[in-house]
Structures are given as structure tokens and as C-alpha cells.
């Protein structure tokens, strides 16, 4: 009987030592799942909120026209005195195509400007994209190297920034404009920026 009693404590310790890494792994996997999949990535805070919009002067997308006139590139001096929605997009971005219909709706409101930053894209592809899905932008700069977008803190497309009349970033939406967030989130943020002096 004493032999049976002596092996049980050792067996329990071994079982605990074998199970401990598994329990830790399952706990970490659950934590990662909750943070990555259950969280709303569009609510990721930006260190740039309240900061002056980065000085970003980008050349126009060559050959892009509206009513026979070339559409200008991005000039950060135009942010001062205007509320501006900056949309970072690319032709290879599937959610960017989905959000164009919502950007078109926003572009009808002439109280603010809607401008684009074309991120790491071939000009021909970018023009084809806008011709196919529509061009909601009053200005669209090309950022083929991605350097200008890095200054904005962009790490994926699409991303959207509301710039106040003072040229400061008032809000950042990570991900596309959707049916769910256009009226619940984005329009109220634009309205807040429009209400400020």
C-alpha cells in the first residue's frame, strides 16, 4: 500500500508540469483572439489625434480629370480653414472598392472637402479603379513610395482622417467607411469638426 501512496504525489506533479504549458498556451490564445477578432479595430487610437496634420504635398494622379479639368494633387496648406476628410486608398484594396459608394454620399456635402491619398499604386491601375467605381475626390495625391502615408501613421488601407479647420487631425477611422459606421461614427465626427471655429 505504501508503494501506491508514494507514486500518486509524483504523478500529480508530473501531470501539473505537463498541463501547465497547455493551460498557459490556451490562456494566451484566448487573449489574442479577444484582442484581434472581438475588438473593433476602427477604434484603435492614433497618437496624431489633436496634432497638426503632417505636411503632405503629393503630386496629382496623372491623367485624372473631372469635366475636362485635371484633378489636383494633395496640398496640406489647403487643410487650413477647411474641414477635410482624407481617405487613404489603393486600387488593389478590396474594401476600398466597397467604400466608394459611401464616399460618394459623403462627397455630396459641400461643407467639407473629400481628398484622397493613393497608396503604393500604379497610376494606370488607380485611374482604372476611379473610372470603374467613381471618383469622390476633389483632390487626389499619389504616394507611390508610401513615405507620405507613413507620416500619417497609416499601416493599411483604407484609412480615413477628419481634419479640422485648424489643420489638426480630429478623428481617425481605421478600415473602410461602411453602412454601419458612416452615420453612427463618421458623420458625427465631421459635424463636430464643422462646428468648431
N, C-alpha and C. Protein backbone atom coordinates (compact mmCIF):
# COMPACT_ATOMS: atom_id res chain seq x y z
N UNK A 1 0.80 -1.20 0.00
CA UNK A 1 0.00 0.00 0.00
C UNK A 1 0.84 1.25 0.00
N UNK A 2 1.98 1.19 0.71
CA UNK A 2 2.81 2.39 0.76
C UNK A 2 3.38 2.73 -0.61
N UNK A 3 3.60 1.73 -1.45
CA UNK A 3 4.12 2.00 -2.80
C UNK A 3 3.09 2.77 -3.63
N UNK A 4 1.82 2.45 -3.47
CA UNK A 4 0.78 3.15 -4.21
C UNK A 4 0.67 4.59 -3.73
N UNK A 5 0.78 4.82 -2.43
CA UNK A 5 0.68 6.15 -1.89
C UNK A 5 1.86 7.00 -2.33
N UNK A 6 3.05 6.41 -2.45
CA UNK A 6 4.24 7.17 -2.83
C UNK A 6 4.20 7.62 -4.30
N UNK A 7 3.58 6.86 -5.20
CA UNK A 7 3.59 7.23 -6.61
C UNK A 7 2.54 8.29 -6.94
N UNK A 8 1.48 8.40 -6.19
CA UNK A 8 0.44 9.39 -6.50
C UNK A 8 0.94 10.83 -6.43
N UNK A 9 1.66 11.27 -5.40
CA UNK A 9 2.14 12.65 -5.40
C UNK A 9 3.06 12.95 -6.57
N UNK A 10 3.93 12.04 -6.95
CA UNK A 10 4.82 12.25 -8.08
C UNK A 10 4.05 12.33 -9.39
N UNK A 11 3.03 11.51 -9.53
CA UNK A 11 2.20 11.51 -10.72
C UNK A 11 1.44 12.83 -10.84
N UNK A 12 0.96 13.33 -9.72
CA UNK A 12 0.23 14.61 -9.73
C UNK A 12 1.14 15.75 -10.15
N UNK A 13 2.35 15.76 -9.64
CA UNK A 13 3.29 16.82 -10.02
C UNK A 13 3.62 16.76 -11.50
N UNK A 14 3.85 15.54 -11.98
CA UNK A 14 4.14 15.39 -13.40
C UNK A 14 2.97 15.84 -14.26
N UNK A 15 1.76 15.50 -13.85
CA UNK A 15 0.57 15.91 -14.59
C UNK A 15 0.46 17.43 -14.61
N UNK A 16 0.70 18.06 -13.48
CA UNK A 16 0.64 19.52 -13.40
C UNK A 16 1.71 20.13 -14.30
N UNK A 17 2.92 19.61 -14.25
CA UNK A 17 4.00 20.15 -15.08
C UNK A 17 3.72 19.96 -16.56
N UNK A 18 3.08 18.85 -16.92
CA UNK A 18 2.74 18.62 -18.32
C UNK A 18 1.59 19.52 -18.75
N UNK A 19 0.62 19.73 -17.88
CA UNK A 19 -0.57 20.51 -18.22
C UNK A 19 -0.33 22.02 -18.17
N UNK A 20 0.62 22.49 -17.37
CA UNK A 20 0.86 23.91 -17.19
C UNK A 20 1.14 24.64 -18.50
N UNK A 21 2.04 24.16 -19.36
CA UNK A 21 2.26 24.85 -20.63
C UNK A 21 1.00 24.89 -21.50
N UNK A 22 0.22 23.80 -21.47
CA UNK A 22 -1.01 23.77 -22.25
C UNK A 22 -2.01 24.81 -21.74
N UNK A 23 -2.15 24.93 -20.44
CA UNK A 23 -3.07 25.91 -19.85
C UNK A 23 -2.61 27.33 -20.19
N UNK A 24 -1.31 27.59 -20.10
CA UNK A 24 -0.77 28.92 -20.44
C UNK A 24 -1.01 29.23 -21.92
N UNK A 25 -0.77 28.24 -22.78
CA UNK A 25 -0.99 28.44 -24.22
C UNK A 25 -2.46 28.76 -24.51
N UNK A 26 -3.37 28.00 -23.93
CA UNK A 26 -4.80 28.23 -24.17
C UNK A 26 -5.20 29.62 -23.67
N UNK A 27 -4.67 30.02 -22.51
CA UNK A 27 -4.98 31.35 -21.98
C UNK A 27 -4.48 32.46 -22.89
N UNK A 28 -3.25 32.34 -23.39
CA UNK A 28 -2.70 33.35 -24.31
C UNK A 28 -3.46 33.36 -25.64
N UNK A 29 -3.81 32.19 -26.15
CA UNK A 29 -4.57 32.12 -27.39
C UNK A 29 -5.92 32.80 -27.23
N UNK A 30 -6.58 32.59 -26.11
CA UNK A 30 -7.87 33.24 -25.86
C UNK A 30 -7.70 34.76 -25.79
N UNK A 31 -6.65 35.22 -25.13
CA UNK A 31 -6.38 36.66 -25.04
C UNK A 31 -6.14 37.27 -26.42
N UNK A 32 -5.32 36.61 -27.24
CA UNK A 32 -5.07 37.10 -28.60
C UNK A 32 -6.35 37.12 -29.43
N UNK A 33 -7.15 36.08 -29.30
CA UNK A 33 -8.41 36.02 -30.05
C UNK A 33 -9.31 37.20 -29.67
N UNK A 34 -9.44 37.44 -28.40
CA UNK A 34 -10.31 38.53 -27.94
C UNK A 34 -9.80 39.87 -28.45
N UNK A 35 -8.50 40.11 -28.36
CA UNK A 35 -7.93 41.40 -28.78
C UNK A 35 -7.98 41.58 -30.30
N UNK A 36 -7.76 40.52 -31.06
CA UNK A 36 -7.71 40.66 -32.52
C UNK A 36 -9.06 40.56 -33.19
N UNK A 37 -9.88 39.64 -32.78
CA UNK A 37 -11.11 39.37 -33.51
C UNK A 37 -12.35 39.96 -32.87
N UNK A 38 -12.39 40.03 -31.58
CA UNK A 38 -13.60 40.55 -30.92
C UNK A 38 -13.54 42.06 -30.80
N UNK A 39 -12.34 42.65 -30.85
CA UNK A 39 -12.22 44.09 -30.71
C UNK A 39 -12.55 44.81 -32.00
N UNK A 40 -12.89 46.08 -31.89
CA UNK A 40 -13.21 46.90 -33.06
C UNK A 40 -11.94 47.64 -33.46
N UNK A 41 -11.29 47.19 -34.54
CA UNK A 41 -10.03 47.80 -34.95
C UNK A 41 -10.20 49.24 -35.39
N UNK A 42 -11.42 49.63 -35.76
CA UNK A 42 -11.63 51.02 -36.17
C UNK A 42 -11.50 51.97 -35.00
N UNK A 43 -11.46 51.45 -33.79
CA UNK A 43 -11.35 52.29 -32.61
C UNK A 43 -9.91 52.36 -32.07
N UNK A 44 -8.96 51.89 -32.85
CA UNK A 44 -7.57 51.97 -32.45
C UNK A 44 -7.19 53.44 -32.34
N UNK A 45 -6.70 53.86 -31.17
CA UNK A 45 -6.38 55.28 -31.02
C UNK A 45 -5.15 55.65 -31.85
N UNK A 46 -5.10 56.89 -32.25
CA UNK A 46 -3.96 57.38 -33.02
C UNK A 46 -3.24 58.44 -32.20
N UNK A 47 -1.93 58.36 -32.18
CA UNK A 47 -1.12 59.36 -31.47
C UNK A 47 -1.22 60.72 -32.16
N UNK A 48 -1.74 60.75 -33.38
CA UNK A 48 -1.81 62.01 -34.13
C UNK A 48 -3.08 62.82 -33.84
N UNK A 49 -4.05 62.24 -33.14
CA UNK A 49 -5.28 62.98 -32.84
C UNK A 49 -4.92 64.24 -32.05
N UNK A 50 -5.42 65.37 -32.53
CA UNK A 50 -5.11 66.64 -31.89
C UNK A 50 -3.84 67.29 -32.40
N UNK A 51 -3.07 66.56 -33.19
CA UNK A 51 -1.81 67.09 -33.75
C UNK A 51 -2.07 67.71 -35.12
N UNK A 52 -1.18 68.59 -35.51
CA UNK A 52 -1.26 69.18 -36.85
C UNK A 52 -1.12 68.06 -37.89
N UNK A 53 -1.94 68.10 -38.92
CA UNK A 53 -1.83 67.10 -39.99
C UNK A 53 -0.42 67.17 -40.59
N UNK A 54 0.17 66.04 -40.90
CA UNK A 54 1.52 66.05 -41.47
C UNK A 54 1.58 66.87 -42.76
N UNK A 55 2.70 67.55 -42.93
CA UNK A 55 2.90 68.30 -44.17
C UNK A 55 3.05 67.28 -45.29
N UNK A 56 2.03 67.21 -46.11
CA UNK A 56 1.99 66.20 -47.15
C UNK A 56 1.58 66.85 -48.46
N UNK A 57 2.54 67.13 -49.28
CA UNK A 57 2.26 67.66 -50.60
C UNK A 57 2.59 66.56 -51.60
N UNK A 58 1.54 66.01 -52.22
CA UNK A 58 1.70 64.88 -53.13
C UNK A 58 1.25 65.27 -54.53
N UNK A 59 1.97 64.78 -55.54
CA UNK A 59 1.61 65.12 -56.93
C UNK A 59 0.27 64.51 -57.30
N UNK A 60 -0.40 65.12 -58.29
CA UNK A 60 -1.69 64.57 -58.73
C UNK A 60 -1.51 63.24 -59.46
N UNK A 61 -2.59 62.52 -59.52
CA UNK A 61 -2.62 61.30 -60.31
C UNK A 61 -2.71 61.71 -61.77
N UNK A 62 -1.65 61.49 -62.51
CA UNK A 62 -1.56 61.95 -63.90
C UNK A 62 -2.71 61.40 -64.73
N UNK A 63 -3.32 62.30 -65.49
CA UNK A 63 -4.40 61.90 -66.39
C UNK A 63 -5.77 61.82 -65.75
N UNK A 64 -5.85 62.10 -64.46
CA UNK A 64 -7.15 62.06 -63.77
C UNK A 64 -7.84 63.41 -63.95
N UNK A 65 -9.04 63.37 -64.54
CA UNK A 65 -9.76 64.61 -64.84
C UNK A 65 -11.20 64.53 -64.39
N UNK A 66 -11.79 65.70 -64.19
CA UNK A 66 -13.23 65.83 -63.96
C UNK A 66 -13.70 67.01 -64.78
N UNK A 67 -14.71 66.79 -65.62
CA UNK A 67 -15.24 67.83 -66.51
C UNK A 67 -14.15 68.45 -67.38
N UNK A 68 -13.21 67.62 -67.83
CA UNK A 68 -12.15 68.08 -68.72
C UNK A 68 -11.02 68.82 -68.04
N UNK A 69 -11.08 68.95 -66.70
CA UNK A 69 -10.01 69.64 -65.97
C UNK A 69 -9.25 68.65 -65.10
N UNK A 70 -7.92 68.80 -65.03
CA UNK A 70 -7.14 67.88 -64.19
C UNK A 70 -7.50 68.05 -62.71
N UNK A 71 -7.57 66.92 -62.01
CA UNK A 71 -7.83 66.94 -60.57
C UNK A 71 -6.48 67.16 -59.88
N UNK A 72 -6.40 68.14 -58.97
CA UNK A 72 -5.12 68.45 -58.35
C UNK A 72 -4.64 67.37 -57.38
N UNK A 73 -3.34 67.46 -57.07
CA UNK A 73 -2.76 66.59 -56.06
C UNK A 73 -3.10 67.11 -54.67
N UNK A 74 -2.44 66.56 -53.68
CA UNK A 74 -2.72 66.93 -52.30
C UNK A 74 -1.77 68.03 -51.86
N UNK A 75 -2.35 69.11 -51.32
CA UNK A 75 -1.58 70.22 -50.80
C UNK A 75 -2.03 70.46 -49.37
N UNK A 76 -1.16 70.20 -48.40
CA UNK A 76 -1.55 70.29 -46.99
C UNK A 76 -1.92 71.71 -46.57
N UNK A 77 -1.51 72.72 -47.32
CA UNK A 77 -1.91 74.10 -46.99
C UNK A 77 -3.41 74.27 -47.14
N UNK A 78 -4.05 73.44 -47.96
CA UNK A 78 -5.50 73.51 -48.16
C UNK A 78 -6.29 73.03 -46.95
N UNK A 79 -5.63 72.37 -46.00
CA UNK A 79 -6.33 71.90 -44.80
C UNK A 79 -6.75 73.07 -43.91
N UNK A 80 -5.95 74.14 -43.90
CA UNK A 80 -6.24 75.28 -43.03
C UNK A 80 -7.48 76.01 -43.55
N UNK A 81 -8.44 76.20 -42.65
CA UNK A 81 -9.67 76.91 -42.99
C UNK A 81 -10.77 76.03 -43.55
N UNK A 82 -10.48 74.75 -43.77
CA UNK A 82 -11.47 73.82 -44.31
C UNK A 82 -11.52 72.57 -43.44
N UNK A 83 -12.69 71.99 -43.31
CA UNK A 83 -12.77 70.64 -42.76
C UNK A 83 -12.53 69.70 -43.93
N UNK A 84 -11.67 68.73 -43.72
CA UNK A 84 -11.28 67.83 -44.81
C UNK A 84 -11.35 66.39 -44.33
N UNK A 85 -11.90 65.53 -45.16
CA UNK A 85 -11.84 64.09 -44.92
C UNK A 85 -10.78 63.54 -45.88
N UNK A 86 -9.73 62.95 -45.31
CA UNK A 86 -8.64 62.37 -46.10
C UNK A 86 -8.85 60.86 -46.12
N UNK A 87 -8.98 60.30 -47.33
CA UNK A 87 -9.16 58.86 -47.50
C UNK A 87 -7.90 58.29 -48.13
N UNK A 88 -7.28 57.31 -47.44
CA UNK A 88 -6.09 56.63 -47.97
C UNK A 88 -6.60 55.35 -48.64
N UNK A 89 -6.30 55.20 -49.93
CA UNK A 89 -6.89 54.12 -50.72
C UNK A 89 -5.90 53.56 -51.72
N UNK A 90 -6.24 52.42 -52.31
CA UNK A 90 -5.43 51.81 -53.37
C UNK A 90 -6.33 50.97 -54.26
N UNK A 91 -5.94 50.81 -55.50
CA UNK A 91 -6.75 50.02 -56.44
C UNK A 91 -6.73 48.54 -56.09
N UNK A 92 -5.68 48.06 -55.43
CA UNK A 92 -5.56 46.65 -55.08
C UNK A 92 -6.28 46.31 -53.77
N UNK A 93 -6.92 47.31 -53.17
CA UNK A 93 -7.58 47.14 -51.86
C UNK A 93 -9.07 46.85 -52.09
N UNK A 94 -9.51 45.64 -51.76
CA UNK A 94 -10.91 45.25 -51.98
C UNK A 94 -11.87 46.09 -51.14
N UNK A 95 -11.61 46.33 -49.83
CA UNK A 95 -12.53 47.18 -49.07
C UNK A 95 -12.61 48.61 -49.61
N UNK A 96 -11.55 49.07 -50.28
CA UNK A 96 -11.59 50.42 -50.88
C UNK A 96 -12.67 50.51 -51.95
N UNK A 97 -12.83 49.44 -52.73
CA UNK A 97 -13.88 49.43 -53.76
C UNK A 97 -15.26 49.44 -53.11
N UNK A 98 -15.40 48.72 -52.01
CA UNK A 98 -16.68 48.65 -51.31
C UNK A 98 -17.08 49.99 -50.71
N UNK A 99 -16.09 50.78 -50.27
CA UNK A 99 -16.43 52.02 -49.57
C UNK A 99 -16.71 53.20 -50.51
N UNK A 100 -16.41 53.07 -51.79
CA UNK A 100 -16.59 54.20 -52.71
C UNK A 100 -18.03 54.71 -52.69
N UNK A 101 -19.01 53.82 -52.64
CA UNK A 101 -20.41 54.26 -52.63
C UNK A 101 -20.71 55.17 -51.43
N UNK A 102 -20.08 54.90 -50.30
CA UNK A 102 -20.29 55.72 -49.09
C UNK A 102 -19.50 57.02 -49.18
N UNK A 103 -18.32 56.97 -49.79
CA UNK A 103 -17.57 58.20 -50.01
C UNK A 103 -18.31 59.11 -50.97
N UNK A 104 -18.95 58.54 -51.98
CA UNK A 104 -19.77 59.33 -52.91
C UNK A 104 -20.89 60.05 -52.16
N UNK A 105 -21.51 59.37 -51.23
CA UNK A 105 -22.57 60.01 -50.43
C UNK A 105 -22.01 61.16 -49.60
N UNK A 106 -20.84 60.94 -49.00
CA UNK A 106 -20.22 62.00 -48.20
C UNK A 106 -19.82 63.18 -49.07
N UNK A 107 -19.35 62.90 -50.29
CA UNK A 107 -18.86 63.96 -51.19
C UNK A 107 -19.96 64.92 -51.61
N UNK A 108 -21.21 64.52 -51.47
CA UNK A 108 -22.33 65.42 -51.83
C UNK A 108 -22.46 66.59 -50.85
N UNK A 109 -21.92 66.43 -49.65
CA UNK A 109 -21.95 67.50 -48.65
C UNK A 109 -20.80 68.46 -48.93
N UNK A 110 -21.10 69.63 -49.44
CA UNK A 110 -20.06 70.57 -49.88
C UNK A 110 -19.52 71.43 -48.73
N UNK A 111 -19.92 71.14 -47.49
CA UNK A 111 -19.39 71.90 -46.35
C UNK A 111 -17.96 71.46 -45.99
N UNK A 112 -17.53 70.33 -46.51
CA UNK A 112 -16.17 69.86 -46.27
C UNK A 112 -15.61 69.28 -47.56
N UNK A 113 -14.29 69.12 -47.58
CA UNK A 113 -13.60 68.59 -48.75
C UNK A 113 -13.28 67.12 -48.53
N UNK A 114 -13.40 66.32 -49.56
CA UNK A 114 -13.00 64.92 -49.52
C UNK A 114 -11.83 64.75 -50.47
N UNK A 115 -10.67 64.38 -49.91
CA UNK A 115 -9.46 64.22 -50.71
C UNK A 115 -8.91 62.81 -50.51
N UNK A 116 -8.11 62.37 -51.46
CA UNK A 116 -7.56 61.02 -51.39
C UNK A 116 -6.05 61.00 -51.42
N UNK A 117 -5.50 59.98 -50.79
CA UNK A 117 -4.08 59.65 -50.92
C UNK A 117 -4.03 58.26 -51.53
N UNK A 118 -3.53 58.17 -52.76
CA UNK A 118 -3.41 56.89 -53.44
C UNK A 118 -2.12 56.23 -53.00
N UNK A 119 -2.25 55.12 -52.28
CA UNK A 119 -1.14 54.48 -51.55
C UNK A 119 -0.50 53.36 -52.36
N UNK A 120 0.80 53.50 -52.65
CA UNK A 120 1.61 52.45 -53.28
C UNK A 120 0.89 51.78 -54.44
N UNK A 121 0.53 52.57 -55.43
CA UNK A 121 -0.29 52.09 -56.53
C UNK A 121 0.32 52.49 -57.86
N UNK A 122 0.07 51.71 -58.88
CA UNK A 122 0.46 52.08 -60.25
C UNK A 122 -0.57 53.08 -60.78
N UNK A 123 -0.13 54.18 -61.38
CA UNK A 123 -1.07 55.20 -61.85
C UNK A 123 -2.17 54.67 -62.76
N UNK A 124 -1.82 53.77 -63.69
CA UNK A 124 -2.83 53.22 -64.59
C UNK A 124 -3.91 52.46 -63.82
N UNK A 125 -3.48 51.67 -62.83
CA UNK A 125 -4.43 50.91 -62.02
C UNK A 125 -5.32 51.85 -61.21
N UNK A 126 -4.74 52.90 -60.67
CA UNK A 126 -5.50 53.86 -59.87
C UNK A 126 -6.55 54.57 -60.72
N UNK A 127 -6.18 54.99 -61.92
CA UNK A 127 -7.13 55.65 -62.82
C UNK A 127 -8.27 54.71 -63.20
N UNK A 128 -7.90 53.45 -63.54
CA UNK A 128 -8.93 52.45 -63.90
C UNK A 128 -9.90 52.24 -62.73
N UNK A 129 -9.36 52.18 -61.52
CA UNK A 129 -10.19 51.98 -60.32
C UNK A 129 -11.20 53.11 -60.19
N UNK A 130 -10.74 54.36 -60.30
CA UNK A 130 -11.64 55.51 -60.15
C UNK A 130 -12.64 55.61 -61.30
N UNK A 131 -12.21 55.23 -62.49
CA UNK A 131 -13.14 55.23 -63.63
C UNK A 131 -14.22 54.16 -63.46
N UNK A 132 -13.84 53.04 -62.85
CA UNK A 132 -14.79 51.94 -62.68
C UNK A 132 -15.76 52.18 -61.52
N UNK A 133 -15.22 52.60 -60.36
CA UNK A 133 -16.05 52.71 -59.15
C UNK A 133 -16.55 54.12 -58.87
N UNK A 134 -15.93 55.11 -59.48
CA UNK A 134 -16.31 56.50 -59.25
C UNK A 134 -15.21 57.25 -58.52
N UNK A 135 -15.18 58.56 -58.73
CA UNK A 135 -14.15 59.40 -58.12
C UNK A 135 -14.82 60.43 -57.22
N UNK A 136 -14.81 60.19 -55.91
CA UNK A 136 -15.45 61.14 -54.99
C UNK A 136 -14.53 62.30 -54.58
N UNK A 137 -13.28 62.31 -55.03
CA UNK A 137 -12.27 63.23 -54.51
C UNK A 137 -12.21 64.55 -55.28
N UNK A 138 -12.05 65.65 -54.53
CA UNK A 138 -11.79 66.95 -55.16
C UNK A 138 -10.30 67.11 -55.42
N UNK A 139 -9.48 66.32 -54.73
CA UNK A 139 -8.03 66.29 -54.95
C UNK A 139 -7.57 64.88 -54.59
N UNK A 140 -6.56 64.40 -55.30
CA UNK A 140 -6.04 63.07 -55.01
C UNK A 140 -4.54 63.04 -55.30
N UNK A 141 -3.75 62.85 -54.25
CA UNK A 141 -2.31 62.79 -54.40
C UNK A 141 -1.82 61.36 -54.48
N UNK A 142 -0.73 61.16 -55.20
CA UNK A 142 -0.16 59.81 -55.31
C UNK A 142 1.02 59.67 -54.36
N UNK A 143 1.02 58.59 -53.64
CA UNK A 143 2.08 58.28 -52.68
C UNK A 143 2.65 56.91 -53.04
N UNK A 144 3.38 56.86 -54.15
CA UNK A 144 3.87 55.58 -54.66
C UNK A 144 4.90 54.94 -53.74
N UNK A 145 5.68 55.73 -53.03
CA UNK A 145 6.69 55.15 -52.14
C UNK A 145 6.09 54.77 -50.79
N UNK A 146 4.96 55.36 -50.43
CA UNK A 146 4.35 55.11 -49.13
C UNK A 146 4.89 56.00 -48.03
N UNK A 147 5.87 56.84 -48.33
CA UNK A 147 6.51 57.70 -47.32
C UNK A 147 5.52 58.71 -46.72
N UNK A 148 4.71 59.34 -47.56
CA UNK A 148 3.73 60.31 -47.06
C UNK A 148 2.74 59.66 -46.12
N UNK A 149 2.30 58.45 -46.44
CA UNK A 149 1.33 57.75 -45.61
C UNK A 149 1.93 57.33 -44.27
N UNK A 150 3.21 57.03 -44.27
CA UNK A 150 3.89 56.69 -43.01
C UNK A 150 3.81 57.88 -42.05
N UNK A 151 3.98 59.09 -42.58
CA UNK A 151 3.88 60.28 -41.74
C UNK A 151 2.49 60.42 -41.11
N UNK A 152 1.48 59.88 -41.77
CA UNK A 152 0.12 59.91 -41.25
C UNK A 152 -0.14 58.77 -40.26
N UNK A 153 0.80 57.84 -40.13
CA UNK A 153 0.60 56.70 -39.24
C UNK A 153 -0.23 55.61 -39.87
N UNK A 154 -0.28 55.58 -41.21
CA UNK A 154 -1.07 54.58 -41.91
C UNK A 154 -0.30 53.26 -41.91
N UNK A 155 -1.00 52.18 -41.57
CA UNK A 155 -0.37 50.87 -41.67
C UNK A 155 -1.20 49.91 -42.50
N UNK A 156 -2.25 50.40 -43.11
CA UNK A 156 -3.07 49.59 -44.01
C UNK A 156 -4.10 50.49 -44.67
N UNK A 157 -4.69 50.00 -45.75
CA UNK A 157 -5.72 50.77 -46.43
C UNK A 157 -7.02 49.98 -46.39
N UNK A 158 -8.13 50.65 -46.37
CA UNK A 158 -8.30 52.09 -46.29
C UNK A 158 -8.22 52.60 -44.86
N UNK A 159 -7.84 53.86 -44.75
CA UNK A 159 -7.90 54.60 -43.50
C UNK A 159 -8.44 55.99 -43.84
N UNK A 160 -9.13 56.60 -42.87
CA UNK A 160 -9.76 57.90 -43.09
C UNK A 160 -9.43 58.83 -41.92
N UNK A 161 -9.18 60.08 -42.25
CA UNK A 161 -8.84 61.09 -41.23
C UNK A 161 -9.75 62.29 -41.41
N UNK A 162 -10.32 62.76 -40.31
CA UNK A 162 -11.07 64.02 -40.33
C UNK A 162 -10.12 65.10 -39.85
N UNK A 163 -9.92 66.13 -40.69
CA UNK A 163 -9.04 67.25 -40.36
C UNK A 163 -9.91 68.47 -40.08
N UNK A 164 -9.71 69.10 -38.91
CA UNK A 164 -10.46 70.29 -38.56
C UNK A 164 -9.99 71.51 -39.33
N UNK A 165 -10.74 72.60 -39.18
CA UNK A 165 -10.40 73.85 -39.88
C UNK A 165 -9.03 74.39 -39.46
N UNK A 166 -8.59 74.00 -38.25
CA UNK A 166 -7.29 74.45 -37.76
C UNK A 166 -6.14 73.60 -38.30
N UNK A 167 -6.46 72.62 -39.16
CA UNK A 167 -5.42 71.77 -39.74
C UNK A 167 -4.99 70.63 -38.85
N UNK A 168 -5.70 70.41 -37.74
CA UNK A 168 -5.36 69.33 -36.83
C UNK A 168 -6.22 68.09 -37.10
N UNK A 169 -5.64 66.92 -36.85
CA UNK A 169 -6.37 65.68 -37.03
C UNK A 169 -7.36 65.54 -35.88
N UNK A 170 -8.65 65.47 -36.24
CA UNK A 170 -9.71 65.39 -35.23
C UNK A 170 -10.15 63.95 -34.98
N UNK A 171 -10.02 63.10 -35.99
CA UNK A 171 -10.52 61.73 -35.85
C UNK A 171 -9.84 60.84 -36.89
N UNK A 172 -9.65 59.56 -36.53
CA UNK A 172 -9.09 58.59 -37.45
C UNK A 172 -9.98 57.35 -37.45
N UNK A 173 -10.40 56.93 -38.65
CA UNK A 173 -11.17 55.70 -38.82
C UNK A 173 -10.28 54.69 -39.52
N UNK A 174 -9.97 53.61 -38.82
CA UNK A 174 -9.18 52.54 -39.42
C UNK A 174 -10.15 51.58 -40.10
N UNK A 175 -9.92 51.30 -41.36
CA UNK A 175 -10.81 50.43 -42.11
C UNK A 175 -11.73 51.25 -42.99
N UNK A 176 -12.59 50.55 -43.74
CA UNK A 176 -13.43 51.24 -44.72
C UNK A 176 -14.61 51.96 -44.10
N UNK A 177 -15.12 52.94 -44.83
CA UNK A 177 -16.40 53.56 -44.50
C UNK A 177 -17.46 52.54 -44.89
N UNK A 178 -18.38 52.25 -43.98
CA UNK A 178 -19.40 51.22 -44.21
C UNK A 178 -20.79 51.77 -43.91
N UNK A 179 -21.80 50.96 -44.23
CA UNK A 179 -23.18 51.32 -43.91
C UNK A 179 -23.34 51.48 -42.40
N UNK A 180 -22.59 50.71 -41.61
CA UNK A 180 -22.70 50.76 -40.15
C UNK A 180 -22.03 51.98 -39.55
N UNK A 181 -20.89 52.41 -40.09
CA UNK A 181 -20.16 53.49 -39.41
C UNK A 181 -20.32 54.87 -40.05
N UNK A 182 -20.90 54.95 -41.24
CA UNK A 182 -20.98 56.27 -41.90
C UNK A 182 -21.84 57.24 -41.09
N UNK A 183 -23.01 56.79 -40.65
CA UNK A 183 -23.91 57.68 -39.91
C UNK A 183 -23.69 57.62 -38.41
N UNK A 184 -23.26 56.46 -37.92
CA UNK A 184 -23.07 56.30 -36.47
C UNK A 184 -21.78 56.93 -35.97
N UNK A 185 -20.75 56.96 -36.82
CA UNK A 185 -19.43 57.41 -36.36
C UNK A 185 -18.88 58.56 -37.20
N UNK A 186 -18.77 58.36 -38.50
CA UNK A 186 -18.02 59.31 -39.33
C UNK A 186 -18.74 60.65 -39.49
N UNK A 187 -20.01 60.63 -39.82
CA UNK A 187 -20.74 61.90 -39.96
C UNK A 187 -20.72 62.71 -38.66
N UNK A 188 -20.97 62.10 -37.48
CA UNK A 188 -20.90 62.89 -36.25
C UNK A 188 -19.52 63.51 -36.02
N UNK A 189 -18.45 62.80 -36.39
CA UNK A 189 -17.10 63.35 -36.22
C UNK A 189 -16.89 64.53 -37.19
N UNK A 190 -17.42 64.42 -38.41
CA UNK A 190 -17.32 65.53 -39.36
C UNK A 190 -18.12 66.72 -38.86
N UNK A 191 -19.34 66.46 -38.34
CA UNK A 191 -20.18 67.53 -37.81
C UNK A 191 -19.49 68.26 -36.66
N UNK A 192 -18.82 67.49 -35.78
CA UNK A 192 -18.08 68.10 -34.66
C UNK A 192 -16.99 69.04 -35.19
N UNK A 193 -16.28 68.57 -36.22
CA UNK A 193 -15.22 69.40 -36.79
C UNK A 193 -15.80 70.64 -37.46
N UNK A 194 -16.95 70.51 -38.11
CA UNK A 194 -17.58 71.66 -38.76
C UNK A 194 -18.07 72.69 -37.73
N UNK A 195 -18.45 72.23 -36.55
CA UNK A 195 -18.99 73.12 -35.51
C UNK A 195 -17.91 73.92 -34.81
N UNK A 196 -16.67 73.46 -34.89
CA UNK A 196 -15.57 74.17 -34.23
C UNK A 196 -15.12 75.36 -35.06
N UNK A 197 -14.65 76.38 -34.35
CA UNK A 197 -14.18 77.59 -35.06
C UNK A 197 -12.81 77.42 -35.60
